[in-house]
Amino acid sequence: EGTIVAREIRRLVAVSGLSQRQFAALAGTSAPRLSTYVNGLVTPSASMMVRFTRVSERAQERARRERGSSA
């Protein structure tokens, strides 16, 4: 299970277009702590997963808006 969660966190960070450091800051955690989640060493709480999902979605939406305004 931990590896599935870690894979999902890696996906959320990747599609966000943010660095791990930026992603962690927006999610309200540290980059080293995010790294423990990404590497499957620690499984985050459900509320942290919700925060990760929201950060990723907001970053993707922001990127879409920026692409749209530059077209």
PDB file of N, CA and C in Angstrom:
ATOM      1  N   GLU A   1       0.832  -1.203   0.000  1.00  0.00           N
ATOM      2  CA  GLU A   1       0.000   0.000   0.000  1.00  0.00           C
ATOM      3  C   GLU A   1       0.866   1.252   0.000  1.00  0.00           C
ATOM      4  N   GLY A   2       1.908   1.256   0.796  1.00  0.00           N
ATOM      5  CA  GLY A   2       2.793   2.415   0.854  1.00  0.00           C
ATOM      6  C   GLY A   2       3.348   2.812  -0.499  1.00  0.00           C
ATOM      7  N   THR A   3       3.670   1.811  -1.307  1.00  0.00           N
ATOM      8  CA  THR A   3       4.226   2.131  -2.618  1.00  0.00           C
ATOM      9  C   THR A   3       3.169   2.741  -3.536  1.00  0.00           C
ATOM     10  N   ILE A   4       1.905   2.328  -3.399  1.00  0.00           N
ATOM     11  CA  ILE A   4       0.823   2.912  -4.197  1.00  0.00           C
ATOM     12  C   ILE A   4       0.637   4.375  -3.797  1.00  0.00           C
ATOM     13  N   VAL A   5       0.650   4.636  -2.508  1.00  0.00           N
ATOM     14  CA  VAL A   5       0.508   6.010  -2.017  1.00  0.00           C
ATOM     15  C   VAL A   5       1.691   6.850  -2.488  1.00  0.00           C
ATOM     16  N   ALA A   6       2.886   6.329  -2.365  1.00  0.00           N
ATOM     17  CA  ALA A   6       4.081   7.058  -2.803  1.00  0.00           C
ATOM     18  C   ALA A   6       4.012   7.362  -4.298  1.00  0.00           C
ATOM     19  N   ARG A   7       3.558   6.393  -5.074  1.00  0.00           N
ATOM     20  CA  ARG A   7       3.442   6.584  -6.526  1.00  0.00           C
ATOM     21  C   ARG A   7       2.441   7.699  -6.831  1.00  0.00           C
ATOM     22  N   GLU A   8       1.337   7.728  -6.105  1.00  0.00           N
ATOM     23  CA  GLU A   8       0.336   8.772  -6.314  1.00  0.00           C
ATOM     24  C   GLU A   8       0.887  10.144  -5.930  1.00  0.00           C
ATOM     25  N   ILE A   9       1.635  10.224  -4.862  1.00  0.00           N
ATOM     26  CA  ILE A   9       2.236  11.511  -4.472  1.00  0.00           C
ATOM     27  C   ILE A   9       3.226  11.966  -5.532  1.00  0.00           C
ATOM     28  N   ARG A  10       4.044  11.049  -6.032  1.00  0.00           N
ATOM     29  CA  ARG A  10       4.987  11.404  -7.113  1.00  0.00           C
ATOM     30  C   ARG A  10       4.229  11.928  -8.333  1.00  0.00           C
ATOM     31  N   ARG A  11       3.103  11.288  -8.648  1.00  0.00           N
ATOM     32  CA  ARG A  11       2.297  11.716  -9.796  1.00  0.00           C
ATOM     33  C   ARG A  11       1.746  13.123  -9.556  1.00  0.00           C
ATOM     34  N   LEU A  12       1.216  13.356  -8.352  1.00  0.00           N
ATOM     35  CA  LEU A  12       0.652  14.674  -8.037  1.00  0.00           C
ATOM     36  C   LEU A  12       1.703  15.773  -8.145  1.00  0.00           C
ATOM     37  N   VAL A  13       2.896  15.497  -7.650  1.00  0.00           N
ATOM     38  CA  VAL A  13       3.980  16.485  -7.745  1.00  0.00           C
ATOM     39  C   VAL A  13       4.350  16.700  -9.215  1.00  0.00           C
ATOM     40  N   ALA A  14       4.482  15.626  -9.964  1.00  0.00           N
ATOM     41  CA  ALA A  14       4.897  15.726 -11.373  1.00  0.00           C
ATOM     42  C   ALA A  14       3.901  16.538 -12.196  1.00  0.00           C
ATOM     43  N   VAL A  15       2.615  16.211 -12.081  1.00  0.00           N
ATOM     44  CA  VAL A  15       1.626  16.922 -12.907  1.00  0.00           C
ATOM     45  C   VAL A  15       1.401  18.355 -12.442  1.00  0.00           C
ATOM     46  N   SER A  16       1.826  18.674 -11.224  1.00  0.00           N
ATOM     47  CA  SER A  16       1.663  20.045 -10.725  1.00  0.00           C
ATOM     48  C   SER A  16       2.602  21.004 -11.449  1.00  0.00           C
ATOM     49  N   GLY A  17       3.715  20.475 -11.953  1.00  0.00           N
ATOM     50  CA  GLY A  17       4.704  21.326 -12.596  1.00  0.00           C
ATOM     51  C   GLY A  17       5.579  22.071 -11.605  1.00  0.00           C
ATOM     52  N   LEU A  18       5.412  21.790 -10.314  1.00  0.00           N
ATOM     53  CA  LEU A  18       6.179  22.453  -9.266  1.00  0.00           C
ATOM     54  C   LEU A  18       7.379  21.601  -8.871  1.00  0.00           C
ATOM     55  N   SER A  19       8.371  22.235  -8.281  1.00  0.00           N
ATOM     56  CA  SER A  19       9.460  21.470  -7.685  1.00  0.00           C
ATOM     57  C   SER A  19       8.944  20.840  -6.398  1.00  0.00           C
ATOM     58  N   GLN A  20       9.636  19.841  -5.889  1.00  0.00           N
ATOM     59  CA  GLN A  20       9.220  19.241  -4.627  1.00  0.00           C
ATOM     60  C   GLN A  20       9.233  20.272  -3.510  1.00  0.00           C
ATOM     61  N   ARG A  21      10.208  21.164  -3.544  1.00  0.00           N
ATOM     62  CA  ARG A  21      10.300  22.201  -2.512  1.00  0.00           C
ATOM     63  C   ARG A  21       9.084  23.139  -2.563  1.00  0.00           C
ATOM     64  N   GLN A  22       8.733  23.590  -3.782  1.00  0.00           N
ATOM     65  CA  GLN A  22       7.562  24.464  -3.944  1.00  0.00           C
ATOM     66  C   GLN A  22       6.289  23.728  -3.514  1.00  0.00           C
ATOM     67  N   PHE A  23       6.159  22.486  -3.955  1.00  0.00           N
ATOM     68  CA  PHE A  23       4.978  21.681  -3.655  1.00  0.00           C
ATOM     69  C   PHE A  23       4.825  21.514  -2.148  1.00  0.00           C
ATOM     70  N   ALA A  24       5.923  21.170  -1.484  1.00  0.00           N
ATOM     71  CA  ALA A  24       5.895  20.980  -0.035  1.00  0.00           C
ATOM     72  C   ALA A  24       5.460  22.259   0.672  1.00  0.00           C
ATOM     73  N   ALA A  25       6.019  23.391   0.262  1.00  0.00           N
ATOM     74  CA  ALA A  25       5.683  24.662   0.901  1.00  0.00           C
ATOM     75  C   ALA A  25       4.197  24.970   0.763  1.00  0.00           C
ATOM     76  N   LEU A  26       3.653  24.760  -0.424  1.00  0.00           N
ATOM     77  CA  LEU A  26       2.238  25.040  -0.646  1.00  0.00           C
ATOM     78  C   LEU A  26       1.338  24.067   0.112  1.00  0.00           C
ATOM     79  N   ALA A  27       1.833  22.862   0.347  1.00  0.00           N
ATOM     80  CA  ALA A  27       1.055  21.859   1.083  1.00  0.00           C
ATOM     81  C   ALA A  27       1.213  22.014   2.592  1.00  0.00           C
ATOM     82  N   GLY A  28       2.091  22.903   3.006  1.00  0.00           N
ATOM     83  CA  GLY A  28       2.270  23.142   4.434  1.00  0.00           C
ATOM     84  C   GLY A  28       3.150  22.116   5.120  1.00  0.00           C
ATOM     85  N   THR A  29       4.110  21.573   4.364  1.00  0.00           N
ATOM     86  CA  THR A  29       5.064  20.636   4.956  1.00  0.00           C
ATOM     87  C   THR A  29       6.462  21.010   4.486  1.00  0.00           C
ATOM     88  N   SER A  30       7.455  20.313   4.983  1.00  0.00           N
ATOM     89  CA  SER A  30       8.829  20.611   4.569  1.00  0.00           C
ATOM     90  C   SER A  30       9.224  19.727   3.390  1.00  0.00           C
ATOM     91  N   ALA A  31      10.224  20.165   2.656  1.00  0.00           N
ATOM     92  CA  ALA A  31      10.730  19.362   1.544  1.00  0.00           C
ATOM     93  C   ALA A  31      11.265  18.007   2.030  1.00  0.00           C
ATOM     94  N   PRO A  32      12.012  17.968   3.146  1.00  0.00           N
ATOM     95  CA  PRO A  32      12.472  16.651   3.624  1.00  0.00           C
ATOM     96  C   PRO A  32      11.311  15.714   4.000  1.00  0.00           C
ATOM     97  N   ARG A  33      10.269  16.285   4.587  1.00  0.00           N
ATOM     98  CA  ARG A  33       9.113  15.453   4.955  1.00  0.00           C
ATOM     99  C   ARG A  33       8.412  14.948   3.696  1.00  0.00           C
ATOM    100  N   LEU A  34       8.240  15.813   2.705  1.00  0.00           N
ATOM    101  CA  LEU A  34       7.630  15.383   1.439  1.00  0.00           C
ATOM    102  C   LEU A  34       8.446  14.250   0.839  1.00  0.00           C
ATOM    103  N   SER A  35       9.756  14.355   0.931  1.00  0.00           N
ATOM    104  CA  SER A  35      10.637  13.314   0.398  1.00  0.00           C
ATOM    105  C   SER A  35      10.365  11.957   1.046  1.00  0.00           C
ATOM    106  N   THR A  36      10.070  11.952   2.356  1.00  0.00           N
ATOM    107  CA  THR A  36       9.778  10.671   3.016  1.00  0.00           C
ATOM    108  C   THR A  36       8.495  10.061   2.464  1.00  0.00           C
ATOM    109  N   TYR A  37       7.540  10.920   2.089  1.00  0.00           N
ATOM    110  CA  TYR A  37       6.291  10.426   1.500  1.00  0.00           C
ATOM    111  C   TYR A  37       6.520   9.923   0.075  1.00  0.00           C
ATOM    112  N   VAL A  38       7.243  10.721  -0.709  1.00  0.00           N
ATOM    113  CA  VAL A  38       7.522  10.385  -2.109  1.00  0.00           C
ATOM    114  C   VAL A  38       8.284   9.058  -2.220  1.00  0.00           C
ATOM    115  N   ASN A  39       9.169   8.822  -1.265  1.00  0.00           N
ATOM    116  CA  ASN A  39       9.983   7.606  -1.291  1.00  0.00           C
ATOM    117  C   ASN A  39       9.341   6.428  -0.564  1.00  0.00           C
ATOM    118  N   GLY A  40       8.127   6.615  -0.064  1.00  0.00           N
ATOM    119  CA  GLY A  40       7.397   5.523   0.568  1.00  0.00           C
ATOM    120  C   GLY A  40       7.911   5.144   1.949  1.00  0.00           C
ATOM    121  N   LEU A  41       8.709   6.009   2.561  1.00  0.00           N
ATOM    122  CA  LEU A  41       9.232   5.711   3.897  1.00  0.00           C
ATOM    123  C   LEU A  41       8.188   5.965   4.971  1.00  0.00           C
ATOM    124  N   VAL A  42       7.318   6.949   4.703  1.00  0.00           N
ATOM    125  CA  VAL A  42       6.255   7.316   5.626  1.00  0.00           C
ATOM    126  C   VAL A  42       4.979   7.463   4.812  1.00  0.00           C
ATOM    127  N   THR A  43       3.859   6.993   5.352  1.00  0.00           N
ATOM    128  CA  THR A  43       2.567   7.166   4.695  1.00  0.00           C
ATOM    129  C   THR A  43       1.880   8.378   5.304  1.00  0.00           C
ATOM    130  N   PRO A  44       1.508   9.346   4.466  1.00  0.00           N
ATOM    131  CA  PRO A  44       0.872  10.551   4.999  1.00  0.00           C
ATOM    132  C   PRO A  44      -0.551  10.272   5.476  1.00  0.00           C
ATOM    133  N   SER A  45      -1.055  11.161   6.306  1.00  0.00           N
ATOM    134  CA  SER A  45      -2.448  11.073   6.750  1.00  0.00           C
ATOM    135  C   SER A  45      -3.377  11.346   5.575  1.00  0.00           C
ATOM    136  N   ALA A  46      -4.626  10.989   5.759  1.00  0.00           N
ATOM    137  CA  ALA A  46      -5.635  11.257   4.721  1.00  0.00           C
ATOM    138  C   ALA A  46      -5.756  12.759   4.477  1.00  0.00           C
ATOM    139  N   SER A  47      -5.705  13.553   5.543  1.00  0.00           N
ATOM    140  CA  SER A  47      -5.830  15.005   5.361  1.00  0.00           C
ATOM    141  C   SER A  47      -4.639  15.564   4.579  1.00  0.00           C
ATOM    142  N   MET A  48      -3.452  15.004   4.786  1.00  0.00           N
ATOM    143  CA  MET A  48      -2.289  15.444   4.012  1.00  0.00           C
ATOM    144  C   MET A  48      -2.457  15.062   2.541  1.00  0.00           C
ATOM    145  N   MET A  49      -2.995  13.891   2.275  1.00  0.00           N
ATOM    146  CA  MET A  49      -3.240  13.489   0.881  1.00  0.00           C
ATOM    147  C   MET A  49      -4.225  14.447   0.215  1.00  0.00           C
ATOM    148  N   VAL A  50      -5.239  14.871   0.947  1.00  0.00           N
ATOM    149  CA  VAL A  50      -6.193  15.845   0.406  1.00  0.00           C
ATOM    150  C   VAL A  50      -5.465  17.145   0.085  1.00  0.00           C
ATOM    151  N   ARG A  51      -4.577  17.590   0.969  1.00  0.00           N
ATOM    152  CA  ARG A  51      -3.812  18.812   0.712  1.00  0.00           C
ATOM    153  C   ARG A  51      -2.935  18.655  -0.527  1.00  0.00           C
ATOM    154  N   PHE A  52      -2.286  17.498  -0.655  1.00  0.00           N
ATOM    155  CA  PHE A  52      -1.455  17.248  -1.837  1.00  0.00           C
ATOM    156  C   PHE A  52      -2.287  17.330  -3.108  1.00  0.00           C
ATOM    157  N   THR A  53      -3.457  16.718  -3.077  1.00  0.00           N
ATOM    158  CA  THR A  53      -4.332  16.720  -4.253  1.00  0.00           C
ATOM    159  C   THR A  53      -4.750  18.140  -4.598  1.00  0.00           C
ATOM    160  N   ARG A  54      -5.125  18.920  -3.597  1.00  0.00           N
ATOM    161  CA  ARG A  54      -5.561  20.305  -3.840  1.00  0.00           C
ATOM    162  C   ARG A  54      -4.426  21.171  -4.377  1.00  0.00           C
ATOM    163  N   VAL A  55      -3.248  21.019  -3.821  1.00  0.00           N
ATOM    164  CA  VAL A  55      -2.087  21.793  -4.302  1.00  0.00           C
ATOM    165  C   VAL A  55      -1.827  21.454  -5.769  1.00  0.00           C
ATOM    166  N   SER A  56      -1.861  20.181  -6.094  1.00  0.00           N
ATOM    167  CA  SER A  56      -1.604  19.752  -7.465  1.00  0.00           C
ATOM    168  C   SER A  56      -2.661  20.307  -8.416  1.00  0.00           C
ATOM    169  N   GLU A  57      -3.925  20.209  -8.020  1.00  0.00           N
ATOM    170  CA  GLU A  57      -5.006  20.706  -8.878  1.00  0.00           C
ATOM    171  C   GLU A  57      -4.903  22.207  -9.089  1.00  0.00           C
ATOM    172  N   ARG A  58      -4.616  22.944  -8.018  1.00  0.00           N
ATOM    173  CA  ARG A  58      -4.494  24.414  -8.140  1.00  0.00           C
ATOM    174  C   ARG A  58      -3.324  24.790  -9.046  1.00  0.00           C
ATOM    175  N   ALA A  59      -2.210  24.096  -8.892  1.00  0.00           N
ATOM    176  CA  ALA A  59      -1.037  24.398  -9.722  1.00  0.00           C
ATOM    177  C   ALA A  59      -1.322  24.108 -11.195  1.00  0.00           C
ATOM    178  N   GLN A  60      -2.021  23.004 -11.458  1.00  0.00           N
ATOM    179  CA  GLN A  60      -2.359  22.674 -12.842  1.00  0.00           C
ATOM    180  C   GLN A  60      -3.306  23.715 -13.433  1.00  0.00           C
ATOM    181  N   GLU A  61      -4.288  24.149 -12.636  1.00  0.00           N
ATOM    182  CA  GLU A  61      -5.235  25.163 -13.096  1.00  0.00           C
ATOM    183  C   GLU A  61      -4.516  26.479 -13.382  1.00  0.00           C
ATOM    184  N   ARG A  62      -3.596  26.859 -12.504  1.00  0.00           N
ATOM    185  CA  ARG A  62      -2.826  28.091 -12.695  1.00  0.00           C
ATOM    186  C   ARG A  62      -2.020  28.005 -13.995  1.00  0.00           C
ATOM    187  N   ALA A  63      -1.394  26.855 -14.237  1.00  0.00           N
ATOM    188  CA  ALA A  63      -0.598  26.675 -15.453  1.00  0.00           C
ATOM    189  C   ALA A  63      -1.481  26.759 -16.698  1.00  0.00           C
ATOM    190  N   ARG A  64      -2.687  26.184 -16.629  1.00  0.00           N
ATOM    191  CA  ARG A  64      -3.613  26.260 -17.771  1.00  0.00           C
ATOM    192  C   ARG A  64      -4.010  27.708 -18.049  1.00  0.00           C
ATOM    193  N   ARG A  65      -4.301  28.466 -16.988  1.00  0.00           N
ATOM    194  CA  ARG A  65      -4.679  29.872 -17.161  1.00  0.00           C
ATOM    195  C   ARG A  65      -3.527  30.662 -17.769  1.00  0.00           C
ATOM    196  N   GLU A  66      -2.306  30.413 -17.302  1.00  0.00           N
ATOM    197  CA  GLU A  66      -1.148  31.142 -17.819  1.00  0.00           C
ATOM    198  C   GLU A  66      -0.908  30.810 -19.286  1.00  0.00           C
ATOM    199  N   ARG A  67      -1.070  29.537 -19.643  1.00  0.00           N
ATOM    200  CA  ARG A  67      -0.919  29.161 -21.053  1.00  0.00           C
ATOM    201  C   ARG A  67      -1.994  29.832 -21.900  1.00  0.00           C
ATOM    202  N   GLY A  68      -3.201  29.875 -21.390  1.00  0.00           N
ATOM    203  CA  GLY A  68      -4.305  30.483 -22.121  1.00  0.00           C
ATOM    204  C   GLY A  68      -4.111  31.965 -22.356  1.00  0.00           C
ATOM    205  N   SER A  69      -3.568  32.673 -21.374  1.00  0.00           N
ATOM    206  CA  SER A  69      -3.396  34.116 -21.495  1.00  0.00           C
ATOM    207  C   SER A  69      -2.213  34.478 -22.382  1.00  0.00           C
ATOM    208  N   SER A  70      -1.288  33.522 -22.585  1.00  0.00           N
ATOM    209  CA  SER A  70      -0.123  33.827 -23.418  1.00  0.00           C
ATOM    210  C   SER A  70      -0.340  33.432 -24.873  1.00  0.00           C
ATOM    211  N   ALA A  71      -1.477  32.811 -25.145  1.00  0.00           N
ATOM    212  CA  ALA A  71      -1.754  32.350 -26.530  1.00  0.00           C
ATOM    213  C   ALA A  71      -2.250  33.499 -27.396  1.00  0.00           C
TER     214      ALA A  71
END
